[in-house]
Each structure stands twice: as structure tokens, then as C-alpha cells.
Amino acid sequence: MKRFEKHIFICENVRPKNDPQGCCSEKGSKELRQLFKKRLRELGLNASVRANAAGCLDACEYGITVLVYPDQTWYGGVTENDIEEIIQKHIIEDKPVERLIIKDKRFHRYE
């Protein structure tokens, strides 16, 4: 049996304040991960789904980046308001949230 069925990686990369790429951490990604963890616990999903801190996912221009594995689904510009939808639709129903998917040829899903 797998330890976790899915991993939700939330970029928490930190860059210097003047870096033109910015960083997910200064946009609130650490707090976002805590909210994912809290909601997964509330729904009893924390034994099968893990919300992980990630270093740079190299998608800085898309805002806070969230990557769901093993699906390899890349979400960009994720906010607190998107957590419930990602969990309900993608994690529970196994249907990616299309409006949040990063549609860029650099990411596996769209190669």
C-alpha cells in the first residue's frame, strides 16, 4: 500500500526582495500550505494526501505555484479561495481545476 495517494507540493521558495522574479513565499505560500493541511485533516484525507513544502518549482511568473502528484498537474496563482475547489474537485473527484492549470509548454501536461 502506498503511504500517500497524492502529494500537493506548494512552492515556498524565498528570493531576495529585489529579485525581479519575486517568490511564492512572499505571496503567502507558507500560510497557503498550512490551510491545505488543515482542510485535509478536517476532511480526514491527511492519511492519504500530503501537503508538502517545495523549493522553487520554476514557475515564478505564475504566482503561488501548486503541483499535484502523481498527476503532474501544475496550478498557478493559487489563493486561499482556491483550496476548497482543488481539494473537492481534484483530490476527491480526480478532476483537475482547469481554470487554475498553468498552460505552458514547459510543463509536462502540455508538452
PDB file of N, CA and C in Angstrom:
ATOM      1  N   MET A   1       0.834  -1.192   0.000  1.00  0.00           N
ATOM      2  CA  MET A   1       0.000   0.000   0.000  1.00  0.00           C
ATOM      3  C   MET A   1       0.878   1.255   0.000  1.00  0.00           C
ATOM      4  N   LYS A   2       0.506   2.219  -0.808  1.00  0.00           N
ATOM      5  CA  LYS A   2       1.238   3.476  -0.868  1.00  0.00           C
ATOM      6  C   LYS A   2       1.057   4.240   0.431  1.00  0.00           C
ATOM      7  N   ARG A   3       2.090   4.956   0.818  1.00  0.00           N
ATOM      8  CA  ARG A   3       1.993   5.806   2.009  1.00  0.00           C
ATOM      9  C   ARG A   3       1.006   6.942   1.761  1.00  0.00           C
ATOM     10  N   PHE A   4       1.128   7.601   0.608  1.00  0.00           N
ATOM     11  CA  PHE A   4       0.207   8.671   0.220  1.00  0.00           C
ATOM     12  C   PHE A   4      -0.238   8.438  -1.213  1.00  0.00           C
ATOM     13  N   GLU A   5      -1.497   8.683  -1.489  1.00  0.00           N
ATOM     14  CA  GLU A   5      -2.029   8.556  -2.845  1.00  0.00           C
ATOM     15  C   GLU A   5      -1.665   9.768  -3.696  1.00  0.00           C
ATOM     16  N   LYS A   6      -1.676  10.940  -3.062  1.00  0.00           N
ATOM     17  CA  LYS A   6      -1.347  12.181  -3.767  1.00  0.00           C
ATOM     18  C   LYS A   6      -0.498  13.070  -2.878  1.00  0.00           C
ATOM     19  N   HIS A   7       0.315  13.865  -3.533  1.00  0.00           N
ATOM     20  CA  HIS A   7       1.104  14.901  -2.872  1.00  0.00           C
ATOM     21  C   HIS A   7       0.723  16.232  -3.493  1.00  0.00           C
ATOM     22  N   ILE A   8       0.503  17.213  -2.654  1.00  0.00           N
ATOM     23  CA  ILE A   8       0.258  18.576  -3.102  1.00  0.00           C
ATOM     24  C   ILE A   8       1.495  19.377  -2.714  1.00  0.00           C
ATOM     25  N   PHE A   9       2.308  19.722  -3.704  1.00  0.00           N
ATOM     26  CA  PHE A   9       3.524  20.495  -3.459  1.00  0.00           C
ATOM     27  C   PHE A   9       3.209  21.979  -3.611  1.00  0.00           C
ATOM     28  N   ILE A  10       3.498  22.751  -2.573  1.00  0.00           N
ATOM     29  CA  ILE A  10       3.266  24.194  -2.589  1.00  0.00           C
ATOM     30  C   ILE A  10       4.623  24.876  -2.541  1.00  0.00           C
ATOM     31  N   CYS A  11       4.919  25.678  -3.562  1.00  0.00           N
ATOM     32  CA  CYS A  11       6.210  26.358  -3.623  1.00  0.00           C
ATOM     33  C   CYS A  11       6.333  27.348  -2.468  1.00  0.00           C
ATOM     34  N   GLU A  12       7.412  27.214  -1.705  1.00  0.00           N
ATOM     35  CA  GLU A  12       7.701  28.145  -0.613  1.00  0.00           C
ATOM     36  C   GLU A  12       9.069  28.790  -0.808  1.00  0.00           C
ATOM     37  N   ASN A  13       9.494  28.870  -2.060  1.00  0.00           N
ATOM     38  CA  ASN A  13      10.806  29.423  -2.353  1.00  0.00           C
ATOM     39  C   ASN A  13      10.918  30.866  -1.875  1.00  0.00           C
ATOM     40  N   VAL A  14      12.121  31.215  -1.385  1.00  0.00           N
ATOM     41  CA  VAL A  14      12.406  32.575  -0.921  1.00  0.00           C
ATOM     42  C   VAL A  14      13.514  33.144  -1.788  1.00  0.00           C
ATOM     43  N   ARG A  15      13.264  34.301  -2.350  1.00  0.00           N
ATOM     44  CA  ARG A  15      14.262  35.031  -3.135  1.00  0.00           C
ATOM     45  C   ARG A  15      14.500  36.378  -2.453  1.00  0.00           C
ATOM     46  N   PRO A  16      15.615  37.029  -2.773  1.00  0.00           N
ATOM     47  CA  PRO A  16      15.828  38.375  -2.232  1.00  0.00           C
ATOM     48  C   PRO A  16      14.677  39.306  -2.625  1.00  0.00           C
ATOM     49  N   LYS A  17      14.394  40.274  -1.793  1.00  0.00           N
ATOM     50  CA  LYS A  17      13.257  41.183  -2.017  1.00  0.00           C
ATOM     51  C   LYS A  17      13.292  41.888  -3.368  1.00  0.00           C
ATOM     52  N   ASN A  18      14.461  42.186  -3.883  1.00  0.00           N
ATOM     53  CA  ASN A  18      14.570  42.916  -5.146  1.00  0.00           C
ATOM     54  C   ASN A  18      14.620  42.018  -6.373  1.00  0.00           C
ATOM     55  N   ASP A  19      14.504  40.717  -6.198  1.00  0.00           N
ATOM     56  CA  ASP A  19      14.587  39.808  -7.329  1.00  0.00           C
ATOM     57  C   ASP A  19      13.390  40.040  -8.256  1.00  0.00           C
ATOM     58  N   PRO A  20      13.633  40.276  -9.555  1.00  0.00           N
ATOM     59  CA  PRO A  20      12.527  40.567 -10.474  1.00  0.00           C
ATOM     60  C   PRO A  20      11.528  39.413 -10.630  1.00  0.00           C
ATOM     61  N   GLN A  21      11.957  38.187 -10.355  1.00  0.00           N
ATOM     62  CA  GLN A  21      11.028  37.054 -10.459  1.00  0.00           C
ATOM     63  C   GLN A  21      10.062  36.993  -9.292  1.00  0.00           C
ATOM     64  N   GLY A  22      10.413  37.628  -8.183  1.00  0.00           N
ATOM     65  CA  GLY A  22       9.597  37.522  -6.987  1.00  0.00           C
ATOM     66  C   GLY A  22       9.709  36.127  -6.410  1.00  0.00           C
ATOM     67  N   CYS A  23       8.901  35.824  -5.429  1.00  0.00           N
ATOM     68  CA  CYS A  23       8.925  34.477  -4.867  1.00  0.00           C
ATOM     69  C   CYS A  23       7.571  34.137  -4.270  1.00  0.00           C
ATOM     70  N   CYS A  24       7.267  32.871  -4.269  1.00  0.00           N
ATOM     71  CA  CYS A  24       5.975  32.408  -3.754  1.00  0.00           C
ATOM     72  C   CYS A  24       5.842  32.660  -2.255  1.00  0.00           C
ATOM     73  N   SER A  25       6.950  32.554  -1.543  1.00  0.00           N
ATOM     74  CA  SER A  25       6.898  32.728  -0.098  1.00  0.00           C
ATOM     75  C   SER A  25       6.366  34.101   0.290  1.00  0.00           C
ATOM     76  N   GLU A  26       6.849  35.139  -0.363  1.00  0.00           N
ATOM     77  CA  GLU A  26       6.387  36.486  -0.007  1.00  0.00           C
ATOM     78  C   GLU A  26       4.935  36.729  -0.428  1.00  0.00           C
ATOM     79  N   LYS A  27       4.392  35.836  -1.240  1.00  0.00           N
ATOM     80  CA  LYS A  27       2.994  35.947  -1.669  1.00  0.00           C
ATOM     81  C   LYS A  27       2.055  35.150  -0.760  1.00  0.00           C
ATOM     82  N   GLY A  28       2.617  34.515   0.278  1.00  0.00           N
ATOM     83  CA  GLY A  28       1.791  33.814   1.253  1.00  0.00           C
ATOM     84  C   GLY A  28       1.699  32.312   1.098  1.00  0.00           C
ATOM     85  N   SER A  29       2.674  31.708   0.430  1.00  0.00           N
ATOM     86  CA  SER A  29       2.585  30.262   0.182  1.00  0.00           C
ATOM     87  C   SER A  29       2.715  29.411   1.440  1.00  0.00           C
ATOM     88  N   LYS A  30       3.460  29.881   2.436  1.00  0.00           N
ATOM     89  CA  LYS A  30       3.584  29.098   3.676  1.00  0.00           C
ATOM     90  C   LYS A  30       2.230  28.997   4.369  1.00  0.00           C
ATOM     91  N   GLU A  31       1.522  30.108   4.407  1.00  0.00           N
ATOM     92  CA  GLU A  31       0.191  30.119   5.013  1.00  0.00           C
ATOM     93  C   GLU A  31      -0.780  29.272   4.183  1.00  0.00           C
ATOM     94  N   LEU A  32      -0.622  29.330   2.870  1.00  0.00           N
ATOM     95  CA  LEU A  32      -1.465  28.524   1.987  1.00  0.00           C
ATOM     96  C   LEU A  32      -1.283  27.035   2.276  1.00  0.00           C
ATOM     97  N   ARG A  33      -0.033  26.606   2.457  1.00  0.00           N
ATOM     98  CA  ARG A  33       0.224  25.188   2.767  1.00  0.00           C
ATOM     99  C   ARG A  33      -0.428  24.798   4.089  1.00  0.00           C
ATOM    100  N   GLN A  34      -0.349  25.665   5.074  1.00  0.00           N
ATOM    101  CA  GLN A  34      -0.975  25.370   6.365  1.00  0.00           C
ATOM    102  C   GLN A  34      -2.487  25.219   6.219  1.00  0.00           C
ATOM    103  N   LEU A  35      -3.087  26.035   5.369  1.00  0.00           N
ATOM    104  CA  LEU A  35      -4.530  25.927   5.134  1.00  0.00           C
ATOM    105  C   LEU A  35      -4.882  24.633   4.407  1.00  0.00           C
ATOM    106  N   PHE A  36      -4.052  24.234   3.427  1.00  0.00           N
ATOM    107  CA  PHE A  36      -4.260  22.936   2.775  1.00  0.00           C
ATOM    108  C   PHE A  36      -4.203  21.825   3.813  1.00  0.00           C
ATOM    109  N   LYS A  37      -3.174  21.842   4.670  1.00  0.00           N
ATOM    110  CA  LYS A  37      -3.008  20.797   5.680  1.00  0.00           C
ATOM    111  C   LYS A  37      -4.213  20.744   6.620  1.00  0.00           C
ATOM    112  N   LYS A  38      -4.658  21.907   7.065  1.00  0.00           N
ATOM    113  CA  LYS A  38      -5.795  21.984   7.988  1.00  0.00           C
ATOM    114  C   LYS A  38      -7.049  21.387   7.353  1.00  0.00           C
ATOM    115  N   ARG A  39      -7.305  21.771   6.104  1.00  0.00           N
ATOM    116  CA  ARG A  39      -8.522  21.287   5.444  1.00  0.00           C
ATOM    117  C   ARG A  39      -8.446  19.790   5.162  1.00  0.00           C
ATOM    118  N   LEU A  40      -7.273  19.297   4.778  1.00  0.00           N
ATOM    119  CA  LEU A  40      -7.115  17.856   4.561  1.00  0.00           C
ATOM    120  C   LEU A  40      -7.381  17.082   5.849  1.00  0.00           C
ATOM    121  N   ARG A  41      -6.903  17.610   6.988  1.00  0.00           N
ATOM    122  CA  ARG A  41      -7.169  16.975   8.295  1.00  0.00           C
ATOM    123  C   ARG A  41      -8.666  16.980   8.588  1.00  0.00           C
ATOM    124  N   GLU A  42      -9.312  18.138   8.378  1.00  0.00           N
ATOM    125  CA  GLU A  42     -10.747  18.258   8.654  1.00  0.00           C
ATOM    126  C   GLU A  42     -11.569  17.240   7.857  1.00  0.00           C
ATOM    127  N   LEU A  43     -11.134  16.970   6.647  1.00  0.00           N
ATOM    128  CA  LEU A  43     -11.853  16.038   5.773  1.00  0.00           C
ATOM    129  C   LEU A  43     -11.400  14.594   5.946  1.00  0.00           C
ATOM    130  N   GLY A  44     -10.433  14.361   6.836  1.00  0.00           N
ATOM    131  CA  GLY A  44      -9.932  13.012   7.068  1.00  0.00           C
ATOM    132  C   GLY A  44      -9.091  12.472   5.927  1.00  0.00           C
ATOM    133  N   LEU A  45      -8.530  13.366   5.131  1.00  0.00           N
ATOM    134  CA  LEU A  45      -7.732  12.957   3.973  1.00  0.00           C
ATOM    135  C   LEU A  45      -6.230  12.961   4.240  1.00  0.00           C
ATOM    136  N   ASN A  46      -5.817  13.420   5.407  1.00  0.00           N
ATOM    137  CA  ASN A  46      -4.390  13.590   5.678  1.00  0.00           C
ATOM    138  C   ASN A  46      -3.611  12.279   5.745  1.00  0.00           C
ATOM    139  N   ALA A  47      -4.271  11.151   5.829  1.00  0.00           N
ATOM    140  CA  ALA A  47      -3.567   9.868   5.817  1.00  0.00           C
ATOM    141  C   ALA A  47      -3.230   9.428   4.396  1.00  0.00           C
ATOM    142  N   SER A  48      -3.940   9.981   3.412  1.00  0.00           N
ATOM    143  CA  SER A  48      -3.703   9.576   2.026  1.00  0.00           C
ATOM    144  C   SER A  48      -3.225  10.699   1.113  1.00  0.00           C
ATOM    145  N   VAL A  49      -3.340  11.942   1.583  1.00  0.00           N
ATOM    146  CA  VAL A  49      -2.913  13.096   0.790  1.00  0.00           C
ATOM    147  C   VAL A  49      -2.021  13.960   1.662  1.00  0.00           C
ATOM    148  N   ARG A  50      -0.890  14.345   1.104  1.00  0.00           N
ATOM    149  CA  ARG A  50       0.088  15.135   1.858  1.00  0.00           C
ATOM    150  C   ARG A  50       0.294  16.489   1.205  1.00  0.00           C
ATOM    151  N   ALA A  51       0.213  17.561   1.985  1.00  0.00           N
ATOM    152  CA  ALA A  51       0.550  18.907   1.514  1.00  0.00           C
ATOM    153  C   ALA A  51       1.998  19.162   1.900  1.00  0.00           C
ATOM    154  N   ASN A  52       2.860  19.261   0.892  1.00  0.00           N
ATOM    155  CA  ASN A  52       4.306  19.384   1.092  1.00  0.00           C
ATOM    156  C   ASN A  52       4.817  20.772   0.740  1.00  0.00           C
ATOM    157  N   ALA A  53       5.786  21.235   1.498  1.00  0.00           N
ATOM    158  CA  ALA A  53       6.520  22.444   1.123  1.00  0.00           C
ATOM    159  C   ALA A  53       7.489  22.068   0.020  1.00  0.00           C
ATOM    160  N   ALA A  54       7.591  22.922  -0.985  1.00  0.00           N
ATOM    161  CA  ALA A  54       8.539  22.688  -2.073  1.00  0.00           C
ATOM    162  C   ALA A  54       9.440  23.897  -2.213  1.00  0.00           C
ATOM    163  N   GLY A  55      10.643  23.643  -2.688  1.00  0.00           N
ATOM    164  CA  GLY A  55      11.529  24.731  -3.076  1.00  0.00           C
ATOM    165  C   GLY A  55      11.025  25.267  -4.404  1.00  0.00           C
ATOM    166  N   CYS A  56      11.851  25.995  -5.088  1.00  0.00           N
ATOM    167  CA  CYS A  56      11.449  26.626  -6.336  1.00  0.00           C
ATOM    168  C   CYS A  56      10.975  25.588  -7.350  1.00  0.00           C
ATOM    169  N   LEU A  57       9.780  25.819  -7.877  1.00  0.00           N
ATOM    170  CA  LEU A  57       9.219  24.960  -8.920  1.00  0.00           C
ATOM    171  C   LEU A  57       9.405  25.593 -10.305  1.00  0.00           C
ATOM    172  N   ASP A  58      10.128  26.702 -10.344  1.00  0.00           N
ATOM    173  CA  ASP A  58      10.482  27.392 -11.590  1.00  0.00           C
ATOM    174  C   ASP A  58       9.250  27.827 -12.384  1.00  0.00           C
ATOM    175  N   ALA A  59       8.272  28.351 -11.673  1.00  0.00           N
ATOM    176  CA  ALA A  59       7.078  28.901 -12.313  1.00  0.00           C
ATOM    177  C   ALA A  59       6.718  30.225 -11.642  1.00  0.00           C
ATOM    178  N   CYS A  60       7.745  30.990 -11.288  1.00  0.00           N
ATOM    179  CA  CYS A  60       7.585  32.217 -10.503  1.00  0.00           C
ATOM    180  C   CYS A  60       6.598  33.207 -11.116  1.00  0.00           C
ATOM    181  N   GLU A  61       6.588  33.275 -12.432  1.00  0.00           N
ATOM    182  CA  GLU A  61       5.731  34.252 -13.103  1.00  0.00           C
ATOM    183  C   GLU A  61       4.248  33.940 -12.968  1.00  0.00           C
ATOM    184  N   TYR A  62       3.918  32.770 -12.468  1.00  0.00           N
ATOM    185  CA  TYR A  62       2.519  32.369 -12.344  1.00  0.00           C
ATOM    186  C   TYR A  62       1.958  32.560 -10.940  1.00  0.00           C
ATOM    187  N   GLY A  63       2.692  33.214 -10.072  1.00  0.00           N
ATOM    188  CA  GLY A  63       2.209  33.418  -8.709  1.00  0.00           C
ATOM    189  C   GLY A  63       2.448  32.174  -7.874  1.00  0.00           C
ATOM    190  N   ILE A  64       1.727  32.021  -6.794  1.00  0.00           N
ATOM    191  CA  ILE A  64       1.928  30.840  -5.959  1.00  0.00           C
ATOM    192  C   ILE A  64       1.630  29.604  -6.795  1.00  0.00           C
ATOM    193  N   THR A  65       2.620  28.719  -6.862  1.00  0.00           N
ATOM    194  CA  THR A  65       2.520  27.519  -7.678  1.00  0.00           C
ATOM    195  C   THR A  65       2.239  26.312  -6.802  1.00  0.00           C
ATOM    196  N   VAL A  66       1.292  25.496  -7.247  1.00  0.00           N
ATOM    197  CA  VAL A  66       0.916  24.265  -6.565  1.00  0.00           C
ATOM    198  C   VAL A  66       0.994  23.148  -7.598  1.00  0.00           C
ATOM    199  N   LEU A  67       1.643  22.055  -7.232  1.00  0.00           N
ATOM    200  CA  LEU A  67       1.829  20.928  -8.131  1.00  0.00           C
ATOM    201  C   LEU A  67       1.259  19.676  -7.471  1.00  0.00           C
ATOM    202  N   VAL A  68       0.350  18.997  -8.144  1.00  0.00           N
ATOM    203  CA  VAL A  68      -0.265  17.790  -7.597  1.00  0.00           C
ATOM    204  C   VAL A  68       0.362  16.572  -8.278  1.00  0.00           C
ATOM    205  N   TYR A  69       0.903  15.669  -7.460  1.00  0.00           N
ATOM    206  CA  TYR A  69       1.491  14.416  -7.941  1.00  0.00           C
ATOM    207  C   TYR A  69       0.699  13.261  -7.383  1.00  0.00           C
ATOM    208  N   PRO A  70       0.586  12.161  -8.101  1.00  0.00           N
ATOM    209  CA  PRO A  70       1.365  11.802  -9.277  1.00  0.00           C
ATOM    210  C   PRO A  70       0.779  12.329 -10.578  1.00  0.00           C
ATOM    211  N   ASP A  71      -0.253  13.157 -10.516  1.00  0.00           N
ATOM    212  CA  ASP A  71      -0.947  13.628 -11.711  1.00  0.00           C
ATOM    213  C   ASP A  71      -0.139  14.596 -12.567  1.00  0.00           C
ATOM    214  N   GLN A  72       0.873  15.212 -11.962  1.00  0.00           N
ATOM    215  CA  GLN A  72       1.699  16.214 -12.635  1.00  0.00           C
ATOM    216  C   GLN A  72       0.857  17.379 -13.147  1.00  0.00           C
ATOM    217  N   THR A  73      -0.062  17.827 -12.313  1.00  0.00           N
ATOM    218  CA  THR A  73      -0.910  18.965 -12.641  1.00  0.00           C
ATOM    219  C   THR A  73      -0.352  20.203 -11.956  1.00  0.00           C
ATOM    220  N   TRP A  74      -0.049  21.216 -12.763  1.00  0.00           N
ATOM    221  CA  TRP A  74       0.549  22.464 -12.290  1.00  0.00           C
ATOM    222  C   TRP A  74      -0.517  23.546 -12.205  1.00  0.00           C
ATOM    223  N   TYR A  75      -0.687  24.111 -11.014  1.00  0.00           N
ATOM    224  CA  TYR A  75      -1.626  25.207 -10.816  1.00  0.00           C
ATOM    225  C   TYR A  75      -0.841  26.485 -10.530  1.00  0.00           C
ATOM    226  N   GLY A  76      -1.318  27.593 -11.066  1.00  0.00           N
ATOM    227  CA  GLY A  76      -0.662  28.877 -10.842  1.00  0.00           C
ATOM    228  C   GLY A  76      -1.611  29.905 -10.270  1.00  0.00           C
ATOM    229  N   GLY A  77      -1.040  30.868  -9.549  1.00  0.00           N
ATOM    230  CA  GLY A  77      -1.834  31.944  -8.970  1.00  0.00           C
ATOM    231  C   GLY A  77      -2.824  31.463  -7.932  1.00  0.00           C
ATOM    232  N   VAL A  78      -2.482  30.387  -7.242  1.00  0.00           N
ATOM    233  CA  VAL A  78      -3.399  29.786  -6.271  1.00  0.00           C
ATOM    234  C   VAL A  78      -3.530  30.691  -5.038  1.00  0.00           C
ATOM    235  N   THR A  79      -4.770  30.869  -4.601  1.00  0.00           N
ATOM    236  CA  THR A  79      -5.051  31.669  -3.408  1.00  0.00           C
ATOM    237  C   THR A  79      -5.819  30.808  -2.401  1.00  0.00           C
ATOM    238  N   GLU A  80      -6.017  31.381  -1.248  1.00  0.00           N
ATOM    239  CA  GLU A  80      -6.792  30.705  -0.197  1.00  0.00           C
ATOM    240  C   GLU A  80      -8.183  30.315  -0.707  1.00  0.00           C
ATOM    241  N   ASN A  81      -8.756  31.128  -1.570  1.00  0.00           N
ATOM    242  CA  ASN A  81     -10.094  30.870  -2.110  1.00  0.00           C
ATOM    243  C   ASN A  81     -10.144  29.664  -3.037  1.00  0.00           C
ATOM    244  N   ASP A  82      -8.986  29.174  -3.497  1.00  0.00           N
ATOM    245  CA  ASP A  82      -8.932  28.042  -4.422  1.00  0.00           C
ATOM    246  C   ASP A  82      -8.735  26.690  -3.726  1.00  0.00           C
ATOM    247  N   ILE A  83      -8.388  26.713  -2.454  1.00  0.00           N
ATOM    248  CA  ILE A  83      -8.050  25.477  -1.740  1.00  0.00           C
ATOM    249  C   ILE A  83      -9.199  24.479  -1.761  1.00  0.00           C
ATOM    250  N   GLU A  84     -10.372  24.919  -1.384  1.00  0.00           N
ATOM    251  CA  GLU A  84     -11.520  24.012  -1.312  1.00  0.00           C
ATOM    252  C   GLU A  84     -11.827  23.400  -2.673  1.00  0.00           C
ATOM    253  N   GLU A  85     -11.767  24.207  -3.719  1.00  0.00           N
ATOM    254  CA  GLU A  85     -12.048  23.698  -5.059  1.00  0.00           C
ATOM    255  C   GLU A  85     -11.008  22.670  -5.498  1.00  0.00           C
ATOM    256  N   ILE A  86      -9.741  22.929  -5.213  1.00  0.00           N
ATOM    257  CA  ILE A  86      -8.693  21.966  -5.566  1.00  0.00           C
ATOM    258  C   ILE A  86      -8.909  20.652  -4.814  1.00  0.00           C
ATOM    259  N   ILE A  87      -9.212  20.751  -3.536  1.00  0.00           N
ATOM    260  CA  ILE A  87      -9.409  19.534  -2.748  1.00  0.00           C
ATOM    261  C   ILE A  87     -10.663  18.784  -3.208  1.00  0.00           C
ATOM    262  N   GLN A  88     -11.776  19.490  -3.334  1.00  0.00           N
ATOM    263  CA  GLN A  88     -13.031  18.825  -3.703  1.00  0.00           C
ATOM    264  C   GLN A  88     -12.988  18.250  -5.115  1.00  0.00           C
ATOM    265  N   LYS A  89     -12.560  19.065  -6.059  1.00  0.00           N
ATOM    266  CA  LYS A  89     -12.597  18.624  -7.469  1.00  0.00           C
ATOM    267  C   LYS A  89     -11.418  17.721  -7.827  1.00  0.00           C
ATOM    268  N   HIS A  90     -10.198  18.174  -7.539  1.00  0.00           N
ATOM    269  CA  HIS A  90      -9.032  17.406  -7.988  1.00  0.00           C
ATOM    270  C   HIS A  90      -8.717  16.233  -7.066  1.00  0.00           C
ATOM    271  N   ILE A  91      -8.632  16.500  -5.782  1.00  0.00           N
ATOM    272  CA  ILE A  91      -8.220  15.440  -4.852  1.00  0.00           C
ATOM    273  C   ILE A  91      -9.331  14.406  -4.657  1.00  0.00           C
ATOM    274  N   ILE A  92     -10.548  14.849  -4.415  1.00  0.00           N
ATOM    275  CA  ILE A  92     -11.639  13.920  -4.138  1.00  0.00           C
ATOM    276  C   ILE A  92     -12.261  13.356  -5.419  1.00  0.00           C
ATOM    277  N   GLU A  93     -12.598  14.225  -6.377  1.00  0.00           N
ATOM    278  CA  GLU A  93     -13.276  13.774  -7.600  1.00  0.00           C
ATOM    279  C   GLU A  93     -12.309  13.396  -8.726  1.00  0.00           C
ATOM    280  N   ASP A  94     -11.030  13.679  -8.532  1.00  0.00           N
ATOM    281  CA  ASP A  94      -9.987  13.382  -9.525  1.00  0.00           C
ATOM    282  C   ASP A  94     -10.209  14.114 -10.852  1.00  0.00           C
ATOM    283  N   LYS A  95     -10.723  15.354 -10.747  1.00  0.00           N
ATOM    284  CA  LYS A  95     -10.941  16.206 -11.917  1.00  0.00           C
ATOM    285  C   LYS A  95     -10.155  17.499 -11.720  1.00  0.00           C
ATOM    286  N   PRO A  96      -9.080  17.696 -12.465  1.00  0.00           N
ATOM    287  CA  PRO A  96      -8.284  18.921 -12.302  1.00  0.00           C
ATOM    288  C   PRO A  96      -9.127  20.188 -12.460  1.00  0.00           C
ATOM    289  N   VAL A  97      -8.722  21.232 -11.768  1.00  0.00           N
ATOM    290  CA  VAL A  97      -9.393  22.528 -11.829  1.00  0.00           C
ATOM    291  C   VAL A  97      -8.801  23.282 -13.016  1.00  0.00           C
ATOM    292  N   GLU A  98      -9.472  23.189 -14.141  1.00  0.00           N
ATOM    293  CA  GLU A  98      -8.938  23.710 -15.403  1.00  0.00           C
ATOM    294  C   GLU A  98      -8.579  25.189 -15.349  1.00  0.00           C
ATOM    295  N   ARG A  99      -9.378  26.005 -14.685  1.00  0.00           N
ATOM    296  CA  ARG A  99      -9.136  27.444 -14.681  1.00  0.00           C
ATOM    297  C   ARG A  99      -7.820  27.824 -14.002  1.00  0.00           C
ATOM    298  N   LEU A 100      -7.275  26.941 -13.161  1.00  0.00           N
ATOM    299  CA  LEU A 100      -6.029  27.235 -12.447  1.00  0.00           C
ATOM    300  C   LEU A 100      -4.796  26.596 -13.083  1.00  0.00           C
ATOM    301  N   ILE A 101      -4.999  25.708 -14.041  1.00  0.00           N
ATOM    302  CA  ILE A 101      -3.867  24.988 -14.633  1.00  0.00           C
ATOM    303  C   ILE A 101      -2.985  25.948 -15.416  1.00  0.00           C
ATOM    304  N   ILE A 102      -1.680  25.821 -15.191  1.00  0.00           N
ATOM    305  CA  ILE A 102      -0.704  26.601 -15.956  1.00  0.00           C
ATOM    306  C   ILE A 102      -0.619  25.974 -17.347  1.00  0.00           C
ATOM    307  N   LYS A 103      -1.015  26.734 -18.331  1.00  0.00           N
ATOM    308  CA  LYS A 103      -1.000  26.239 -19.711  1.00  0.00           C
ATOM    309  C   LYS A 103       0.247  26.787 -20.392  1.00  0.00           C
ATOM    310  N   ASP A 104       1.317  26.064 -20.217  1.00  0.00           N
ATOM    311  CA  ASP A 104       2.625  26.487 -20.708  1.00  0.00           C
ATOM    312  C   ASP A 104       3.350  25.245 -21.195  1.00  0.00           C
ATOM    313  N   LYS A 105       3.936  25.300 -22.359  1.00  0.00           N
ATOM    314  CA  LYS A 105       4.573  24.120 -22.948  1.00  0.00           C
ATOM    315  C   LYS A 105       5.746  23.597 -22.124  1.00  0.00           C
ATOM    316  N   ARG A 106       6.246  24.406 -21.181  1.00  0.00           N
ATOM    317  CA  ARG A 106       7.343  23.933 -20.334  1.00  0.00           C
ATOM    318  C   ARG A 106       6.900  22.889 -19.319  1.00  0.00           C
ATOM    319  N   PHE A 107       5.609  22.808 -19.084  1.00  0.00           N
ATOM    320  CA  PHE A 107       5.114  21.898 -18.065  1.00  0.00           C
ATOM    321  C   PHE A 107       4.588  20.626 -18.713  1.00  0.00           C
ATOM    322  N   HIS A 108       4.955  19.512 -18.131  1.00  0.00           N
ATOM    323  CA  HIS A 108       4.720  18.189 -18.694  1.00  0.00           C
ATOM    324  C   HIS A 108       3.332  17.994 -19.281  1.00  0.00           C
ATOM    325  N   ARG A 109       2.322  18.388 -18.590  1.00  0.00           N
ATOM    326  CA  ARG A 109       0.947  18.133 -19.012  1.00  0.00           C
ATOM    327  C   ARG A 109       0.645  18.723 -20.392  1.00  0.00           C
ATOM    328  N   TYR A 110       1.363  19.774 -20.777  1.00  0.00           N
ATOM    329  CA  TYR A 110       1.055  20.461 -22.028  1.00  0.00           C
ATOM    330  C   TYR A 110       2.170  20.360 -23.053  1.00  0.00           C
ATOM    331  N   GLU A 111       3.056  19.390 -22.914  1.00  0.00           N
ATOM    332  CA  GLU A 111       4.146  19.219 -23.884  1.00  0.00           C
ATOM    333  C   GLU A 111       3.645  18.597 -25.155  1.00  0.00           C
TER     334      GLU A 111
END
